[in-house]
Amino acid sequence: MEKLRIEVNDFACWSLGCAYSAIKTLARFHAASIIFEEKRSMEDKSFRINKRYPLEVQKEHLLSKKAKSDISGC
């Protein structure tokens, strides 16, 4: 039986289990960031991560050349 693989980009494919783990981790991180923003908004009115840390959330910064080269699957 052939294993199901998911194409991540032009360079890598992940197994179904690896893709599931990545999506689950991303969902947890996303939920944590929303909780963080909500808690900070109680202290600092209308706190938003992207306004407080603009450089850190830029796509180019997050996907640096090193990070792109490290994407090779699980």
C-alpha atoms as a PDB file:
ATOM      1  CA  MET A   1       0.000   0.000   0.000  1.00  0.00           C
ATOM      2  CA  GLU A   2       1.409   3.375  -1.031  1.00  0.00           C
ATOM      3  CA  LYS A   3       1.714   5.997   1.713  1.00  0.00           C
ATOM      4  CA  LEU A   4      -0.206   9.231   1.229  1.00  0.00           C
ATOM      5  CA  ARG A   5       2.131  12.241   0.921  1.00  0.00           C
ATOM      6  CA  ILE A   6       1.170  15.894   0.915  1.00  0.00           C
ATOM      7  CA  GLU A   7       3.095  18.353  -1.244  1.00  0.00           C
ATOM      8  CA  VAL A   8       4.162  21.254   0.982  1.00  0.00           C
ATOM      9  CA  ASN A   9       6.037  23.255  -1.620  1.00  0.00           C
ATOM     10  CA  ASP A  10       8.259  22.630  -4.630  1.00  0.00           C
ATOM     11  CA  PHE A  11      10.933  21.092  -2.406  1.00  0.00           C
ATOM     12  CA  ALA A  12       9.212  18.883   0.141  1.00  0.00           C
ATOM     13  CA  CYS A  13       6.401  16.425   0.698  1.00  0.00           C
ATOM     14  CA  TRP A  14       5.123  15.416   4.122  1.00  0.00           C
ATOM     15  CA  SER A  15       3.368  12.271   5.214  1.00  0.00           C
ATOM     16  CA  LEU A  16      -0.245  12.619   6.308  1.00  0.00           C
ATOM     17  CA  GLY A  17       0.812  12.313   9.966  1.00  0.00           C
ATOM     18  CA  CYS A  18       3.466  15.012   9.593  1.00  0.00           C
ATOM     19  CA  ALA A  19       1.024  17.377   7.859  1.00  0.00           C
ATOM     20  CA  TYR A  20      -1.578  16.736  10.579  1.00  0.00           C
ATOM     21  CA  SER A  21       0.975  17.506  13.304  1.00  0.00           C
ATOM     22  CA  ALA A  22       2.035  20.717  11.569  1.00  0.00           C
ATOM     23  CA  ILE A  23      -1.560  21.920  11.192  1.00  0.00           C
ATOM     24  CA  LYS A  24      -2.373  21.009  14.808  1.00  0.00           C
ATOM     25  CA  THR A  25       0.697  22.903  16.048  1.00  0.00           C
ATOM     26  CA  LEU A  26      -0.159  25.914  13.905  1.00  0.00           C
ATOM     27  CA  ALA A  27      -3.733  25.903  15.248  1.00  0.00           C
ATOM     28  CA  ARG A  28      -2.454  25.855  18.849  1.00  0.00           C
ATOM     29  CA  PHE A  29      -0.066  28.732  18.128  1.00  0.00           C
ATOM     30  CA  HIS A  30      -2.880  30.719  16.484  1.00  0.00           C
ATOM     31  CA  ALA A  31      -5.198  30.135  19.467  1.00  0.00           C
ATOM     32  CA  ALA A  32      -2.445  31.138  21.900  1.00  0.00           C
ATOM     33  CA  SER A  33      -1.821  34.363  19.982  1.00  0.00           C
ATOM     34  CA  ILE A  34      -5.523  35.264  20.161  1.00  0.00           C
ATOM     35  CA  ILE A  35      -5.583  34.594  23.912  1.00  0.00           C
ATOM     36  CA  PHE A  36      -2.418  36.693  24.317  1.00  0.00           C
ATOM     37  CA  GLU A  37      -3.983  39.598  22.405  1.00  0.00           C
ATOM     38  CA  GLU A  38      -7.185  39.389  24.447  1.00  0.00           C
ATOM     39  CA  LYS A  39      -5.308  39.427  27.767  1.00  0.00           C
ATOM     40  CA  ARG A  40      -3.056  42.292  26.667  1.00  0.00           C
ATOM     41  CA  SER A  41      -6.106  44.234  25.429  1.00  0.00           C
ATOM     42  CA  MET A  42      -7.395  44.277  28.994  1.00  0.00           C
ATOM     43  CA  GLU A  43      -4.195  46.077  30.062  1.00  0.00           C
ATOM     44  CA  ASP A  44      -3.403  48.016  26.876  1.00  0.00           C
ATOM     45  CA  LYS A  45      -6.518  49.027  24.944  1.00  0.00           C
ATOM     46  CA  SER A  46      -6.780  47.380  21.493  1.00  0.00           C
ATOM     47  CA  PHE A  47      -3.465  45.544  21.660  1.00  0.00           C
ATOM     48  CA  ARG A  48      -2.579  43.779  18.394  1.00  0.00           C
ATOM     49  CA  ILE A  49       0.564  41.744  17.855  1.00  0.00           C
ATOM     50  CA  ASN A  50       1.101  42.982  14.294  1.00  0.00           C
ATOM     51  CA  LYS A  51       0.939  46.626  15.415  1.00  0.00           C
ATOM     52  CA  ARG A  52       3.235  46.134  18.411  1.00  0.00           C
ATOM     53  CA  TYR A  53       5.772  43.902  16.607  1.00  0.00           C
ATOM     54  CA  PRO A  54       5.516  44.841  12.893  1.00  0.00           C
ATOM     55  CA  LEU A  55       8.968  43.621  11.847  1.00  0.00           C
ATOM     56  CA  GLU A  56       8.611  40.256  13.556  1.00  0.00           C
ATOM     57  CA  VAL A  57       5.364  39.386  11.780  1.00  0.00           C
ATOM     58  CA  GLN A  58       6.403  40.392   8.276  1.00  0.00           C
ATOM     59  CA  LYS A  59       6.261  37.466   5.876  1.00  0.00           C
ATOM     60  CA  GLU A  60       9.789  38.126   4.652  1.00  0.00           C
ATOM     61  CA  HIS A  61      11.127  38.080   8.206  1.00  0.00           C
ATOM     62  CA  LEU A  62       9.326  34.874   9.158  1.00  0.00           C
ATOM     63  CA  LEU A  63      10.397  33.049   6.004  1.00  0.00           C
ATOM     64  CA  SER A  64      14.052  33.983   5.925  1.00  0.00           C
ATOM     65  CA  LYS A  65      16.359  32.183   3.499  1.00  0.00           C
ATOM     66  CA  LYS A  66      17.582  29.937   6.323  1.00  0.00           C
ATOM     67  CA  ALA A  67      14.044  28.993   7.367  1.00  0.00           C
ATOM     68  CA  LYS A  68      13.118  28.211   3.753  1.00  0.00           C
ATOM     69  CA  SER A  69      16.157  25.976   3.370  1.00  0.00           C
ATOM     70  CA  ASP A  70      15.301  24.135   6.605  1.00  0.00           C
ATOM     71  CA  ILE A  71      11.884  23.036   5.303  1.00  0.00           C
ATOM     72  CA  SER A  72      12.510  19.459   4.291  1.00  0.00           C
ATOM     73  CA  GLY A  73       9.712  17.456   5.910  1.00  0.00           C
ATOM     74  CA  CYS A  74       9.590  15.483   9.128  1.00  0.00           C
END
